[in-house]
Amino acid sequence: MKISNAFQIFLSQAPDHAHAWMKMIQELDEENSLDKKTQELAFLAVLAATRLTSGIPFHVLSAKDAGARREEIISAVLIGLPAVGNGVIESLAVALDAYDGKEG
């Protein structure tokens, strides 16, 4: 899976911080009662709403690996449209390119 350049730099240049971050993420993941596909789709919605597009390709592929269909990716990205407006539309192309294997 593609990891963003920013996250790769974080891992290589601040390994102690990255280890602590990943440990926290793993522990939070263990406490989450959602199945993996639902968790990834929900996270995609948050990434789109906050316009954090660099993490979208990784999480789209994770959702796809967990069984998410292309239509579910679209719905997850656009679910925030009524609450946060058309900013989520920027994430749609990034998400679909990752799903379709066209990421750069």
N, C-alpha and C. Protein backbone atom coordinates (compact mmCIF):
# COMPACT_ATOMS: atom_id res chain seq x y z
N MET A 1 0.84 -1.19 0.00
CA MET A 1 0.00 0.00 0.00
C MET A 1 0.88 1.24 0.00
N LYS A 2 0.38 2.26 -0.62
CA LYS A 2 1.12 3.51 -0.72
C LYS A 2 1.00 4.30 0.58
N ILE A 3 2.13 4.64 1.12
CA ILE A 3 2.19 5.51 2.30
C ILE A 3 2.64 6.87 1.81
N SER A 4 1.97 7.91 2.29
CA SER A 4 2.30 9.27 1.82
C SER A 4 3.76 9.60 2.10
N ASN A 5 4.31 10.49 1.29
CA ASN A 5 5.67 10.95 1.46
C ASN A 5 5.86 11.56 2.85
N ALA A 6 4.90 12.35 3.31
CA ALA A 6 5.00 12.97 4.62
C ALA A 6 5.11 11.92 5.72
N PHE A 7 4.32 10.85 5.62
CA PHE A 7 4.37 9.81 6.65
C PHE A 7 5.67 9.02 6.55
N GLN A 8 6.17 8.79 5.34
CA GLN A 8 7.46 8.11 5.18
C GLN A 8 8.58 8.91 5.84
N ILE A 9 8.55 10.22 5.68
CA ILE A 9 9.57 11.08 6.31
C ILE A 9 9.43 11.02 7.83
N PHE A 10 8.19 11.07 8.32
CA PHE A 10 7.92 10.93 9.75
C PHE A 10 8.53 9.64 10.28
N LEU A 11 8.31 8.53 9.59
CA LEU A 11 8.83 7.23 10.03
C LEU A 11 10.35 7.20 10.04
N SER A 12 10.97 7.77 9.01
CA SER A 12 12.43 7.68 8.90
C SER A 12 13.17 8.74 9.72
N GLN A 13 12.59 9.91 9.87
CA GLN A 13 13.31 11.00 10.53
C GLN A 13 12.95 11.18 12.01
N ALA A 14 11.87 10.60 12.43
CA ALA A 14 11.47 10.68 13.84
C ALA A 14 10.98 9.31 14.30
N PRO A 15 11.86 8.31 14.26
CA PRO A 15 11.42 6.95 14.52
C PRO A 15 10.84 6.73 15.92
N ASP A 16 11.37 7.42 16.92
CA ASP A 16 10.83 7.24 18.27
C ASP A 16 9.41 7.79 18.37
N HIS A 17 9.19 8.96 17.78
CA HIS A 17 7.84 9.52 17.76
C HIS A 17 6.90 8.62 16.94
N ALA A 18 7.40 8.14 15.81
CA ALA A 18 6.59 7.28 14.95
C ALA A 18 6.21 5.99 15.68
N HIS A 19 7.15 5.42 16.41
CA HIS A 19 6.86 4.21 17.18
C HIS A 19 5.77 4.47 18.21
N ALA A 20 5.90 5.58 18.94
CA ALA A 20 4.89 5.93 19.95
C ALA A 20 3.52 6.15 19.30
N TRP A 21 3.52 6.83 18.17
CA TRP A 21 2.27 7.10 17.43
C TRP A 21 1.62 5.79 16.98
N MET A 22 2.42 4.91 16.39
CA MET A 22 1.89 3.66 15.88
C MET A 22 1.39 2.76 17.02
N LYS A 23 2.06 2.81 18.15
CA LYS A 23 1.61 2.04 19.32
C LYS A 23 0.23 2.53 19.77
N MET A 24 0.06 3.84 19.83
CA MET A 24 -1.23 4.41 20.22
C MET A 24 -2.31 4.02 19.22
N ILE A 25 -2.00 4.11 17.93
CA ILE A 25 -2.96 3.76 16.88
C ILE A 25 -3.38 2.29 17.02
N GLN A 26 -2.42 1.42 17.26
CA GLN A 26 -2.70 0.00 17.40
C GLN A 26 -3.61 -0.24 18.61
N GLU A 27 -3.34 0.43 19.71
CA GLU A 27 -4.16 0.26 20.90
C GLU A 27 -5.58 0.78 20.69
N LEU A 28 -5.71 1.92 20.01
CA LEU A 28 -7.04 2.44 19.70
C LEU A 28 -7.78 1.49 18.76
N ASP A 29 -7.08 0.93 17.81
CA ASP A 29 -7.67 -0.02 16.87
C ASP A 29 -8.20 -1.25 17.60
N GLU A 30 -7.47 -1.72 18.59
CA GLU A 30 -7.89 -2.88 19.37
C GLU A 30 -9.15 -2.60 20.17
N GLU A 31 -9.36 -1.35 20.55
CA GLU A 31 -10.54 -0.98 21.34
C GLU A 31 -11.75 -0.67 20.48
N ASN A 32 -11.57 -0.55 19.19
CA ASN A 32 -12.65 -0.18 18.28
C ASN A 32 -13.57 -1.37 18.06
N SER A 33 -14.87 -1.18 18.21
CA SER A 33 -15.81 -2.28 18.04
C SER A 33 -16.36 -2.39 16.62
N LEU A 34 -15.94 -1.51 15.73
CA LEU A 34 -16.38 -1.59 14.33
C LEU A 34 -15.58 -2.65 13.59
N ASP A 35 -16.21 -3.29 12.61
CA ASP A 35 -15.46 -4.20 11.76
C ASP A 35 -14.50 -3.37 10.91
N LYS A 36 -13.49 -4.02 10.35
CA LYS A 36 -12.42 -3.32 9.65
C LYS A 36 -12.94 -2.47 8.48
N LYS A 37 -13.86 -3.00 7.68
CA LYS A 37 -14.37 -2.24 6.54
C LYS A 37 -15.09 -0.99 7.01
N THR A 38 -15.96 -1.12 7.99
CA THR A 38 -16.71 0.04 8.50
C THR A 38 -15.77 1.06 9.11
N GLN A 39 -14.77 0.59 9.83
CA GLN A 39 -13.79 1.49 10.44
C GLN A 39 -13.05 2.28 9.36
N GLU A 40 -12.62 1.62 8.31
CA GLU A 40 -11.89 2.31 7.24
C GLU A 40 -12.79 3.29 6.50
N LEU A 41 -14.04 2.92 6.25
CA LEU A 41 -14.97 3.83 5.57
C LEU A 41 -15.23 5.06 6.44
N ALA A 42 -15.40 4.85 7.73
CA ALA A 42 -15.61 5.99 8.64
C ALA A 42 -14.39 6.89 8.65
N PHE A 43 -13.20 6.28 8.66
CA PHE A 43 -11.98 7.08 8.67
C PHE A 43 -11.83 7.87 7.38
N LEU A 44 -12.22 7.27 6.26
CA LEU A 44 -12.20 8.00 4.98
C LEU A 44 -13.10 9.22 5.05
N ALA A 45 -14.27 9.07 5.66
CA ALA A 45 -15.18 10.21 5.80
C ALA A 45 -14.52 11.33 6.60
N VAL A 46 -13.82 10.97 7.65
CA VAL A 46 -13.12 11.98 8.48
C VAL A 46 -12.01 12.64 7.68
N LEU A 47 -11.21 11.84 6.97
CA LEU A 47 -10.13 12.41 6.16
C LEU A 47 -10.68 13.38 5.11
N ALA A 48 -11.76 12.99 4.45
CA ALA A 48 -12.35 13.87 3.44
C ALA A 48 -12.88 15.15 4.07
N ALA A 49 -13.57 15.03 5.19
CA ALA A 49 -14.15 16.21 5.85
C ALA A 49 -13.09 17.17 6.34
N THR A 50 -11.94 16.64 6.74
CA THR A 50 -10.86 17.49 7.24
C THR A 50 -9.84 17.84 6.15
N ARG A 51 -10.11 17.37 4.93
CA ARG A 51 -9.26 17.64 3.76
C ARG A 51 -7.83 17.14 3.93
N LEU A 52 -7.68 16.02 4.59
CA LEU A 52 -6.37 15.39 4.77
C LEU A 52 -6.20 14.32 3.69
N THR A 53 -6.04 14.77 2.46
CA THR A 53 -6.05 13.85 1.33
C THR A 53 -4.83 12.94 1.24
N SER A 54 -3.73 13.28 1.90
CA SER A 54 -2.53 12.45 1.76
C SER A 54 -2.73 11.05 2.32
N GLY A 55 -3.61 10.88 3.29
CA GLY A 55 -3.85 9.55 3.85
C GLY A 55 -4.92 8.76 3.14
N ILE A 56 -5.62 9.39 2.22
CA ILE A 56 -6.75 8.73 1.56
C ILE A 56 -6.34 7.50 0.75
N PRO A 57 -5.31 7.55 -0.09
CA PRO A 57 -4.98 6.35 -0.85
C PRO A 57 -4.72 5.12 0.04
N PHE A 58 -3.98 5.30 1.11
CA PHE A 58 -3.69 4.18 2.01
C PHE A 58 -4.97 3.59 2.58
N HIS A 59 -5.86 4.46 3.06
CA HIS A 59 -7.07 3.98 3.71
C HIS A 59 -8.12 3.47 2.72
N VAL A 60 -8.10 3.98 1.50
CA VAL A 60 -8.97 3.42 0.46
C VAL A 60 -8.56 1.98 0.18
N LEU A 61 -7.27 1.76 0.00
CA LEU A 61 -6.81 0.40 -0.27
C LEU A 61 -7.06 -0.53 0.90
N SER A 62 -6.93 -0.02 2.10
CA SER A 62 -7.24 -0.83 3.29
C SER A 62 -8.73 -1.18 3.32
N ALA A 63 -9.58 -0.21 2.99
CA ALA A 63 -11.02 -0.46 2.94
C ALA A 63 -11.34 -1.46 1.83
N LYS A 64 -10.70 -1.30 0.69
CA LYS A 64 -10.91 -2.22 -0.44
C LYS A 64 -10.49 -3.63 -0.05
N ASP A 65 -9.35 -3.75 0.61
CA ASP A 65 -8.88 -5.06 1.07
C ASP A 65 -9.87 -5.69 2.07
N ALA A 66 -10.58 -4.84 2.80
CA ALA A 66 -11.57 -5.32 3.77
C ALA A 66 -12.93 -5.58 3.13
N GLY A 67 -13.02 -5.40 1.80
CA GLY A 67 -14.25 -5.73 1.09
C GLY A 67 -15.11 -4.56 0.65
N ALA A 68 -14.63 -3.34 0.82
CA ALA A 68 -15.42 -2.17 0.42
C ALA A 68 -15.52 -2.09 -1.10
N ARG A 69 -16.70 -1.82 -1.57
CA ARG A 69 -16.95 -1.63 -2.99
C ARG A 69 -16.67 -0.17 -3.36
N ARG A 70 -16.48 0.08 -4.63
CA ARG A 70 -16.21 1.44 -5.13
C ARG A 70 -17.32 2.40 -4.71
N GLU A 71 -18.58 1.96 -4.79
CA GLU A 71 -19.71 2.79 -4.41
C GLU A 71 -19.67 3.16 -2.92
N GLU A 72 -19.16 2.24 -2.10
CA GLU A 72 -19.04 2.53 -0.66
C GLU A 72 -17.95 3.57 -0.40
N ILE A 73 -16.89 3.53 -1.18
CA ILE A 73 -15.83 4.54 -1.06
C ILE A 73 -16.41 5.92 -1.40
N ILE A 74 -17.15 5.99 -2.49
CA ILE A 74 -17.77 7.25 -2.90
C ILE A 74 -18.69 7.76 -1.79
N SER A 75 -19.53 6.89 -1.26
CA SER A 75 -20.46 7.29 -0.21
C SER A 75 -19.73 7.75 1.04
N ALA A 76 -18.65 7.07 1.41
CA ALA A 76 -17.89 7.46 2.60
C ALA A 76 -17.29 8.85 2.43
N VAL A 77 -16.71 9.10 1.25
CA VAL A 77 -16.10 10.41 1.00
C VAL A 77 -17.15 11.51 1.01
N LEU A 78 -18.30 11.24 0.43
CA LEU A 78 -19.32 12.29 0.28
C LEU A 78 -20.30 12.40 1.45
N ILE A 79 -20.22 11.52 2.43
CA ILE A 79 -21.18 11.55 3.52
C ILE A 79 -21.12 12.87 4.31
N GLY A 80 -19.97 13.50 4.33
CA GLY A 80 -19.83 14.76 5.05
C GLY A 80 -20.31 15.98 4.28
N LEU A 81 -20.74 15.79 3.05
CA LEU A 81 -21.16 16.91 2.20
C LEU A 81 -22.17 17.83 2.88
N PRO A 82 -23.25 17.33 3.49
CA PRO A 82 -24.21 18.24 4.13
C PRO A 82 -23.62 19.01 5.33
N ALA A 83 -22.69 18.36 6.04
CA ALA A 83 -22.15 18.98 7.25
C ALA A 83 -21.02 19.95 6.97
N VAL A 84 -20.12 19.60 6.06
CA VAL A 84 -18.93 20.43 5.85
C VAL A 84 -18.86 21.07 4.48
N GLY A 85 -19.80 20.75 3.61
CA GLY A 85 -19.84 21.39 2.31
C GLY A 85 -19.01 20.69 1.27
N ASN A 86 -18.83 21.37 0.16
CA ASN A 86 -18.22 20.74 -1.01
C ASN A 86 -16.72 20.52 -0.89
N GLY A 87 -16.11 20.83 0.25
CA GLY A 87 -14.69 20.52 0.44
C GLY A 87 -14.39 19.04 0.30
N VAL A 88 -15.38 18.20 0.61
CA VAL A 88 -15.16 16.76 0.50
C VAL A 88 -15.01 16.33 -0.96
N ILE A 89 -15.51 17.12 -1.89
CA ILE A 89 -15.43 16.76 -3.30
C ILE A 89 -13.98 16.66 -3.75
N GLU A 90 -13.10 17.47 -3.16
CA GLU A 90 -11.67 17.41 -3.49
C GLU A 90 -11.09 16.03 -3.24
N SER A 91 -11.63 15.32 -2.26
CA SER A 91 -11.12 14.01 -1.89
C SER A 91 -11.59 12.90 -2.81
N LEU A 92 -12.65 13.15 -3.56
CA LEU A 92 -13.25 12.10 -4.37
C LEU A 92 -12.29 11.57 -5.43
N ALA A 93 -11.63 12.43 -6.16
CA ALA A 93 -10.70 11.99 -7.20
C ALA A 93 -9.53 11.22 -6.60
N VAL A 94 -9.01 11.67 -5.49
CA VAL A 94 -7.90 10.98 -4.82
C VAL A 94 -8.33 9.57 -4.42
N ALA A 95 -9.52 9.46 -3.84
CA ALA A 95 -10.03 8.17 -3.39
C ALA A 95 -10.27 7.22 -4.55
N LEU A 96 -10.90 7.71 -5.61
CA LEU A 96 -11.22 6.84 -6.74
C LEU A 96 -9.97 6.43 -7.51
N ASP A 97 -9.00 7.33 -7.64
CA ASP A 97 -7.75 6.96 -8.28
C ASP A 97 -7.06 5.83 -7.51
N ALA A 98 -7.08 5.92 -6.18
CA ALA A 98 -6.47 4.86 -5.36
C ALA A 98 -7.25 3.56 -5.53
N TYR A 99 -8.56 3.64 -5.50
CA TYR A 99 -9.38 2.43 -5.63
C TYR A 99 -9.16 1.75 -6.98
N ASP A 100 -9.06 2.57 -8.02
CA ASP A 100 -8.90 2.05 -9.38
C ASP A 100 -7.45 1.75 -9.75
N GLY A 101 -6.53 1.94 -8.80
CA GLY A 101 -5.12 1.65 -9.06
C GLY A 101 -4.42 2.69 -9.89
N LYS A 102 -4.90 3.93 -9.86
CA LYS A 102 -4.31 5.00 -10.67
C LYS A 102 -3.53 6.01 -9.85
N GLU A 103 -3.25 5.69 -8.59
CA GLU A 103 -2.57 6.68 -7.76
C GLU A 103 -1.16 6.95 -8.26
N GLY A 104 -0.72 8.19 -8.00
CA GLY A 104 0.55 8.62 -8.55
C GLY A 104 1.75 8.33 -7.78
